[in-house]
């Protein structure tokens, strides 16, 4: 497989660009890999490039005045950080924290000038950005709705369902869950005990097994209704 095939497989919008644009893109990208927890951007940082994630994930989060963290979203394979894209095009400082998630992150770094030129001339690059924007706005609206409407236990259930693998396993510690939801470890421990006592999960160190996914989903559905 050529480099072009490899990049196009990870980011299909590349295939739809002109050959000259693909050549310019491929000549400018820098593959990077960072270890878990590595900071990529902090509030106030200038953004001079675009990250296209191809492995692992980048966690975008905020820190409140009392030091508690809350996850805004994860940038996963095939995606880019829409806050970074906005900062790049608007020439404003980055407004949040972005760091490699628990499994690290592998991504392609594209210089800002190159991506801006591609965006100006390539409809495929424009569609990619607008698709990223629309999907992220929807997910942020969902997060805001959850924060305003759902009790803490249902917010925890929503996170568990979102982060479970195909076997129903969530590989997160109580500390990590607390940071994602902007609360304390003690609160998460209590909520997990409550859910486990209902026979919905089995909780262990850095591992939570979803015992009854359908009932967990039904809990959220009842709340929605």
C-alpha atoms as a PDB file:
ATOM      1  CA  UNK A   1       0.000   0.000   0.000  1.00  0.00           C
ATOM      2  CA  UNK A   2       1.352   3.427  -0.948  1.00  0.00           C
ATOM      3  CA  UNK A   3       1.412   6.406   1.426  1.00  0.00           C
ATOM      4  CA  UNK A   4      -1.407   7.937  -0.600  1.00  0.00           C
ATOM      5  CA  UNK A   5      -3.495   4.776  -0.266  1.00  0.00           C
ATOM      6  CA  UNK A   6      -2.782   4.648   3.463  1.00  0.00           C
ATOM      7  CA  UNK A   7      -3.807   8.262   4.062  1.00  0.00           C
ATOM      8  CA  UNK A   8      -6.861   7.976   1.796  1.00  0.00           C
ATOM      9  CA  UNK A   9      -8.022   4.859   3.622  1.00  0.00           C
ATOM     10  CA  UNK A  10      -7.899   6.707   6.956  1.00  0.00           C
ATOM     11  CA  UNK A  11      -9.420   9.923   5.558  1.00  0.00           C
ATOM     12  CA  UNK A  12     -11.630   9.219   2.530  1.00  0.00           C
ATOM     13  CA  UNK A  13     -12.049  12.911   1.655  1.00  0.00           C
ATOM     14  CA  UNK A  14      -8.454  12.830   0.343  1.00  0.00           C
ATOM     15  CA  UNK A  15      -9.506  10.530  -2.519  1.00  0.00           C
ATOM     16  CA  UNK A  16     -11.983  13.133  -3.768  1.00  0.00           C
ATOM     17  CA  UNK A  17      -9.381  15.879  -4.108  1.00  0.00           C
ATOM     18  CA  UNK A  18      -7.501  16.658  -7.296  1.00  0.00           C
ATOM     19  CA  UNK A  19      -4.186  14.897  -7.846  1.00  0.00           C
ATOM     20  CA  UNK A  20      -2.291  18.188  -7.438  1.00  0.00           C
ATOM     21  CA  UNK A  21      -3.991  18.770  -4.086  1.00  0.00           C
ATOM     22  CA  UNK A  22      -3.257  15.225  -2.939  1.00  0.00           C
ATOM     23  CA  UNK A  23       0.395  15.664  -3.887  1.00  0.00           C
ATOM     24  CA  UNK A  24       0.594  18.909  -1.930  1.00  0.00           C
ATOM     25  CA  UNK A  25      -1.085  17.341   1.081  1.00  0.00           C
ATOM     26  CA  UNK A  26       1.095  14.229   1.059  1.00  0.00           C
ATOM     27  CA  UNK A  27       4.213  16.350   0.686  1.00  0.00           C
ATOM     28  CA  UNK A  28       3.376  18.387   3.772  1.00  0.00           C
ATOM     29  CA  UNK A  29       1.959  15.949   6.327  1.00  0.00           C
ATOM     30  CA  UNK A  30       4.028  14.840   9.293  1.00  0.00           C
ATOM     31  CA  UNK A  31       2.980  11.566  10.969  1.00  0.00           C
ATOM     32  CA  UNK A  32       3.182  11.867  14.750  1.00  0.00           C
ATOM     33  CA  UNK A  33       2.515   9.629  17.724  1.00  0.00           C
ATOM     34  CA  UNK A  34       2.331  10.754  21.352  1.00  0.00           C
ATOM     35  CA  UNK A  35       2.058   8.910  24.649  1.00  0.00           C
ATOM     36  CA  UNK A  36      -0.992   8.984  26.944  1.00  0.00           C
ATOM     37  CA  UNK A  37      -1.552  12.312  28.655  1.00  0.00           C
ATOM     38  CA  UNK A  38       0.743  14.285  26.357  1.00  0.00           C
ATOM     39  CA  UNK A  39      -0.504  17.861  26.051  1.00  0.00           C
ATOM     40  CA  UNK A  40      -1.089  19.000  22.473  1.00  0.00           C
ATOM     41  CA  UNK A  41      -2.875  22.296  23.074  1.00  0.00           C
ATOM     42  CA  UNK A  42      -3.692  24.446  26.082  1.00  0.00           C
ATOM     43  CA  UNK A  43      -5.943  27.502  26.491  1.00  0.00           C
ATOM     44  CA  UNK A  44      -4.378  30.516  24.818  1.00  0.00           C
ATOM     45  CA  UNK A  45      -2.148  28.521  22.469  1.00  0.00           C
ATOM     46  CA  UNK A  46      -2.017  29.631  18.828  1.00  0.00           C
ATOM     47  CA  UNK A  47      -3.099  26.958  16.344  1.00  0.00           C
ATOM     48  CA  UNK A  48      -0.895  26.685  13.273  1.00  0.00           C
ATOM     49  CA  UNK A  49      -1.914  23.285  11.928  1.00  0.00           C
ATOM     50  CA  UNK A  50      -4.546  20.584  11.622  1.00  0.00           C
ATOM     51  CA  UNK A  51      -4.515  17.211  13.397  1.00  0.00           C
ATOM     52  CA  UNK A  52      -6.088  14.269  11.551  1.00  0.00           C
ATOM     53  CA  UNK A  53      -6.356  11.456  14.086  1.00  0.00           C
ATOM     54  CA  UNK A  54      -5.653   7.962  12.793  1.00  0.00           C
ATOM     55  CA  UNK A  55      -5.173   5.974  16.005  1.00  0.00           C
ATOM     56  CA  UNK A  56      -6.006   6.294  19.687  1.00  0.00           C
ATOM     57  CA  UNK A  57      -7.806   9.507  20.589  1.00  0.00           C
ATOM     58  CA  UNK A  58      -7.316  13.107  21.661  1.00  0.00           C
ATOM     59  CA  UNK A  59      -9.331  14.217  24.674  1.00  0.00           C
ATOM     60  CA  UNK A  60     -10.576  17.810  24.600  1.00  0.00           C
ATOM     61  CA  UNK A  61     -11.499  19.069  28.059  1.00  0.00           C
ATOM     62  CA  UNK A  62     -11.859  22.042  30.390  1.00  0.00           C
ATOM     63  CA  UNK A  63     -10.765  22.691  33.970  1.00  0.00           C
ATOM     64  CA  UNK A  64     -13.065  24.518  36.354  1.00  0.00           C
ATOM     65  CA  UNK A  65     -11.894  27.031  38.963  1.00  0.00           C
ATOM     66  CA  UNK A  66     -11.979  24.359  41.681  1.00  0.00           C
ATOM     67  CA  UNK A  67      -9.633  22.157  39.612  1.00  0.00           C
ATOM     68  CA  UNK A  68     -12.215  19.640  38.429  1.00  0.00           C
ATOM     69  CA  UNK A  69     -12.037  18.526  34.818  1.00  0.00           C
ATOM     70  CA  UNK A  70     -14.816  17.834  32.353  1.00  0.00           C
ATOM     71  CA  UNK A  71     -14.554  16.217  28.936  1.00  0.00           C
ATOM     72  CA  UNK A  72     -16.002  18.140  26.008  1.00  0.00           C
ATOM     73  CA  UNK A  73     -15.371  15.416  23.428  1.00  0.00           C
ATOM     74  CA  UNK A  74     -12.889  12.902  22.075  1.00  0.00           C
ATOM     75  CA  UNK A  75     -11.276  13.281  18.649  1.00  0.00           C
ATOM     76  CA  UNK A  76     -11.165   9.718  17.337  1.00  0.00           C
ATOM     77  CA  UNK A  77      -9.775   8.035  14.182  1.00  0.00           C
ATOM     78  CA  UNK A  78     -11.003   9.729  11.016  1.00  0.00           C
ATOM     79  CA  UNK A  79     -11.740  12.972  12.860  1.00  0.00           C
ATOM     80  CA  UNK A  80     -10.124  16.345  13.504  1.00  0.00           C
ATOM     81  CA  UNK A  81     -10.548  18.781  16.398  1.00  0.00           C
ATOM     82  CA  UNK A  82     -13.182  21.315  15.388  1.00  0.00           C
ATOM     83  CA  UNK A  83     -12.058  23.801  18.067  1.00  0.00           C
ATOM     84  CA  UNK A  84      -8.554  23.706  16.581  1.00  0.00           C
ATOM     85  CA  UNK A  85      -9.952  24.148  13.075  1.00  0.00           C
ATOM     86  CA  UNK A  86     -11.992  27.120  14.257  1.00  0.00           C
ATOM     87  CA  UNK A  87      -8.943  28.655  15.928  1.00  0.00           C
ATOM     88  CA  UNK A  88      -6.889  28.123  12.777  1.00  0.00           C
ATOM     89  CA  UNK A  89      -9.376  29.770  10.425  1.00  0.00           C
ATOM     90  CA  UNK A  90     -10.446  32.508  12.854  1.00  0.00           C
ATOM     91  CA  UNK A  91      -6.889  33.161  14.064  1.00  0.00           C
ATOM     92  CA  UNK A  92      -7.971  33.073  17.696  1.00  0.00           C
ATOM     93  CA  UNK A  93      -6.254  31.262  20.609  1.00  0.00           C
ATOM     94  CA  UNK A  94      -7.279  27.710  21.428  1.00  0.00           C
ATOM     95  CA  UNK A  95     -10.006  27.804  24.130  1.00  0.00           C
ATOM     96  CA  UNK A  96      -9.576  24.428  25.873  1.00  0.00           C
ATOM     97  CA  UNK A  97      -7.111  21.655  26.739  1.00  0.00           C
ATOM     98  CA  UNK A  98      -6.283  18.862  24.279  1.00  0.00           C
ATOM     99  CA  UNK A  99      -4.221  15.846  25.297  1.00  0.00           C
ATOM    100  CA  UNK A 100      -3.605  12.293  24.123  1.00  0.00           C
ATOM    101  CA  UNK A 101      -6.134   9.948  25.717  1.00  0.00           C
ATOM    102  CA  UNK A 102      -5.337   6.852  27.771  1.00  0.00           C
ATOM    103  CA  UNK A 103      -4.037   4.839  24.790  1.00  0.00           C
ATOM    104  CA  UNK A 104      -2.037   7.699  23.307  1.00  0.00           C
ATOM    105  CA  UNK A 105      -2.730   9.222  19.917  1.00  0.00           C
ATOM    106  CA  UNK A 106      -1.398   8.852  16.384  1.00  0.00           C
ATOM    107  CA  UNK A 107      -2.201  11.604  13.921  1.00  0.00           C
ATOM    108  CA  UNK A 108      -1.188  13.404  10.764  1.00  0.00           C
ATOM    109  CA  UNK A 109      -0.152  17.027  11.272  1.00  0.00           C
ATOM    110  CA  UNK A 110      -0.889  19.341   8.345  1.00  0.00           C
ATOM    111  CA  UNK A 111       0.557  22.888   8.295  1.00  0.00           C
ATOM    112  CA  UNK A 112      -2.164  25.498   8.656  1.00  0.00           C
ATOM    113  CA  UNK A 113      -1.285  27.288   5.434  1.00  0.00           C
ATOM    114  CA  UNK A 114      -1.542  24.081   3.441  1.00  0.00           C
ATOM    115  CA  UNK A 115      -4.956  23.172   4.834  1.00  0.00           C
ATOM    116  CA  UNK A 116      -6.298  26.697   4.328  1.00  0.00           C
ATOM    117  CA  UNK A 117      -5.239  26.538   0.677  1.00  0.00           C
ATOM    118  CA  UNK A 118      -6.852  23.126   0.244  1.00  0.00           C
ATOM    119  CA  UNK A 119     -10.025  24.453   1.836  1.00  0.00           C
ATOM    120  CA  UNK A 120     -10.076  27.412  -0.562  1.00  0.00           C
ATOM    121  CA  UNK A 121      -9.845  25.255  -3.691  1.00  0.00           C
ATOM    122  CA  UNK A 122     -11.020  21.724  -2.895  1.00  0.00           C
ATOM    123  CA  UNK A 123     -14.731  20.974  -2.297  1.00  0.00           C
ATOM    124  CA  UNK A 124     -13.746  17.679  -0.642  1.00  0.00           C
ATOM    125  CA  UNK A 125     -11.766  19.543   2.028  1.00  0.00           C
ATOM    126  CA  UNK A 126     -14.701  21.896   2.527  1.00  0.00           C
ATOM    127  CA  UNK A 127     -17.109  18.986   2.971  1.00  0.00           C
ATOM    128  CA  UNK A 128     -14.735  17.341   5.443  1.00  0.00           C
ATOM    129  CA  UNK A 129     -14.609  20.475   7.592  1.00  0.00           C
ATOM    130  CA  UNK A 130     -18.374  21.041   7.483  1.00  0.00           C
ATOM    131  CA  UNK A 131     -19.041  17.367   8.285  1.00  0.00           C
ATOM    132  CA  UNK A 132     -16.709  17.633  11.276  1.00  0.00           C
ATOM    133  CA  UNK A 133     -18.417  20.837  12.375  1.00  0.00           C
ATOM    134  CA  UNK A 134     -21.970  19.528  12.119  1.00  0.00           C
ATOM    135  CA  UNK A 135     -21.165  16.276  13.922  1.00  0.00           C
ATOM    136  CA  UNK A 136     -19.311  18.065  16.717  1.00  0.00           C
ATOM    137  CA  UNK A 137     -21.977  20.725  17.232  1.00  0.00           C
ATOM    138  CA  UNK A 138     -24.554  17.943  17.576  1.00  0.00           C
ATOM    139  CA  UNK A 139     -22.420  16.080  20.140  1.00  0.00           C
ATOM    140  CA  UNK A 140     -21.773  19.256  22.150  1.00  0.00           C
ATOM    141  CA  UNK A 141     -25.482  20.056  22.186  1.00  0.00           C
ATOM    142  CA  UNK A 142     -26.127  16.539  23.477  1.00  0.00           C
ATOM    143  CA  UNK A 143     -23.516  17.067  26.204  1.00  0.00           C
ATOM    144  CA  UNK A 144     -25.075  20.395  27.192  1.00  0.00           C
ATOM    145  CA  UNK A 145     -28.522  18.817  27.284  1.00  0.00           C
ATOM    146  CA  UNK A 146     -27.242  15.995  29.482  1.00  0.00           C
ATOM    147  CA  UNK A 147     -25.606  18.443  31.888  1.00  0.00           C
ATOM    148  CA  UNK A 148     -28.818  20.457  32.167  1.00  0.00           C
ATOM    149  CA  UNK A 149     -31.408  17.688  32.169  1.00  0.00           C
ATOM    150  CA  UNK A 150     -30.015  14.315  33.251  1.00  0.00           C
ATOM    151  CA  UNK A 151     -29.336  13.298  36.844  1.00  0.00           C
ATOM    152  CA  UNK A 152     -25.742  12.309  37.583  1.00  0.00           C
ATOM    153  CA  UNK A 153     -26.484   8.585  37.466  1.00  0.00           C
ATOM    154  CA  UNK A 154     -27.973   8.818  33.974  1.00  0.00           C
ATOM    155  CA  UNK A 155     -25.032  10.945  32.784  1.00  0.00           C
ATOM    156  CA  UNK A 156     -22.719   8.207  34.054  1.00  0.00           C
ATOM    157  CA  UNK A 157     -24.754   5.548  32.231  1.00  0.00           C
ATOM    158  CA  UNK A 158     -24.540   7.580  29.012  1.00  0.00           C
ATOM    159  CA  UNK A 159     -20.748   7.743  29.337  1.00  0.00           C
ATOM    160  CA  UNK A 160     -20.456   4.004  30.035  1.00  0.00           C
ATOM    161  CA  UNK A 161     -22.545   3.162  26.979  1.00  0.00           C
ATOM    162  CA  UNK A 162     -20.509   5.536  24.809  1.00  0.00           C
ATOM    163  CA  UNK A 163     -17.110   4.186  25.932  1.00  0.00           C
ATOM    164  CA  UNK A 164     -17.903   0.450  26.057  1.00  0.00           C
ATOM    165  CA  UNK A 165     -16.137  -1.797  23.559  1.00  0.00           C
ATOM    166  CA  UNK A 166     -17.838  -4.514  21.513  1.00  0.00           C
ATOM    167  CA  UNK A 167     -17.716  -6.862  24.518  1.00  0.00           C
ATOM    168  CA  UNK A 168     -19.392  -4.326  26.788  1.00  0.00           C
ATOM    169  CA  UNK A 169     -16.197  -3.484  28.691  1.00  0.00           C
ATOM    170  CA  UNK A 170     -15.335   0.070  29.739  1.00  0.00           C
ATOM    171  CA  UNK A 171     -11.595   0.381  30.437  1.00  0.00           C
ATOM    172  CA  UNK A 172     -11.752   3.460  32.644  1.00  0.00           C
ATOM    173  CA  UNK A 173     -10.851   4.002  36.280  1.00  0.00           C
ATOM    174  CA  UNK A 174     -13.138   5.821  38.689  1.00  0.00           C
ATOM    175  CA  UNK A 175     -10.723   8.769  38.665  1.00  0.00           C
ATOM    176  CA  UNK A 176     -10.883   8.951  34.861  1.00  0.00           C
ATOM    177  CA  UNK A 177     -14.682   8.792  34.851  1.00  0.00           C
ATOM    178  CA  UNK A 178     -14.806  11.558  37.460  1.00  0.00           C
ATOM    179  CA  UNK A 179     -12.568  13.764  35.310  1.00  0.00           C
ATOM    180  CA  UNK A 180     -14.733  13.153  32.238  1.00  0.00           C
ATOM    181  CA  UNK A 181     -17.945  14.050  34.078  1.00  0.00           C
ATOM    182  CA  UNK A 182     -16.559  16.961  36.079  1.00  0.00           C
ATOM    183  CA  UNK A 183     -17.211  15.457  39.512  1.00  0.00           C
ATOM    184  CA  UNK A 184     -15.343  13.652  42.299  1.00  0.00           C
ATOM    185  CA  UNK A 185     -14.157  10.047  42.548  1.00  0.00           C
ATOM    186  CA  UNK A 186     -16.293   9.594  45.679  1.00  0.00           C
ATOM    187  CA  UNK A 187     -19.446  10.536  43.775  1.00  0.00           C
ATOM    188  CA  UNK A 188     -18.581   8.145  40.941  1.00  0.00           C
ATOM    189  CA  UNK A 189     -17.858   5.296  43.375  1.00  0.00           C
ATOM    190  CA  UNK A 190     -21.272   5.773  44.970  1.00  0.00           C
ATOM    191  CA  UNK A 191     -23.066   5.919  41.622  1.00  0.00           C
ATOM    192  CA  UNK A 192     -21.288   2.804  40.351  1.00  0.00           C
ATOM    193  CA  UNK A 193     -22.309   0.918  43.495  1.00  0.00           C
ATOM    194  CA  UNK A 194     -25.920   1.940  42.939  1.00  0.00           C
ATOM    195  CA  UNK A 195     -25.874   0.767  39.326  1.00  0.00           C
ATOM    196  CA  UNK A 196     -24.069  -2.467  40.226  1.00  0.00           C
ATOM    197  CA  UNK A 197     -26.640  -3.214  42.952  1.00  0.00           C
ATOM    198  CA  UNK A 198     -29.304  -3.096  40.226  1.00  0.00           C
ATOM    199  CA  UNK A 199     -27.473  -5.853  38.326  1.00  0.00           C
ATOM    200  CA  UNK A 200     -26.614  -3.560  35.421  1.00  0.00           C
ATOM    201  CA  UNK A 201     -22.801  -3.549  35.689  1.00  0.00           C
ATOM    202  CA  UNK A 202     -19.903  -5.315  37.351  1.00  0.00           C
ATOM    203  CA  UNK A 203     -17.272  -2.872  38.546  1.00  0.00           C
ATOM    204  CA  UNK A 204     -13.580  -3.651  39.072  1.00  0.00           C
ATOM    205  CA  UNK A 205     -10.244  -1.824  39.088  1.00  0.00           C
ATOM    206  CA  UNK A 206      -9.956   0.147  35.829  1.00  0.00           C
ATOM    207  CA  UNK A 207     -12.636  -2.072  34.305  1.00  0.00           C
ATOM    208  CA  UNK A 208     -16.434  -1.966  34.221  1.00  0.00           C
ATOM    209  CA  UNK A 209     -18.455  -4.700  32.522  1.00  0.00           C
ATOM    210  CA  UNK A 210     -21.924  -3.779  31.297  1.00  0.00           C
ATOM    211  CA  UNK A 211     -24.064  -6.711  32.395  1.00  0.00           C
ATOM    212  CA  UNK A 212     -27.345  -5.582  30.832  1.00  0.00           C
ATOM    213  CA  UNK A 213     -26.866  -3.079  28.025  1.00  0.00           C
ATOM    214  CA  UNK A 214     -30.531  -3.106  27.025  1.00  0.00           C
ATOM    215  CA  UNK A 215     -31.684  -2.132  30.510  1.00  0.00           C
ATOM    216  CA  UNK A 216     -29.042   0.594  30.648  1.00  0.00           C
ATOM    217  CA  UNK A 217     -30.297   1.978  27.350  1.00  0.00           C
ATOM    218  CA  UNK A 218     -33.851   1.732  28.610  1.00  0.00           C
ATOM    219  CA  UNK A 219     -32.915   3.850  31.636  1.00  0.00           C
ATOM    220  CA  UNK A 220     -31.818   6.624  29.304  1.00  0.00           C
ATOM    221  CA  UNK A 221     -34.878   6.203  27.091  1.00  0.00           C
ATOM    222  CA  UNK A 222     -37.204   6.587  30.069  1.00  0.00           C
ATOM    223  CA  UNK A 223     -35.364   9.739  31.094  1.00  0.00           C
ATOM    224  CA  UNK A 224     -35.658  11.118  27.543  1.00  0.00           C
ATOM    225  CA  UNK A 225     -39.369  10.503  27.520  1.00  0.00           C
END
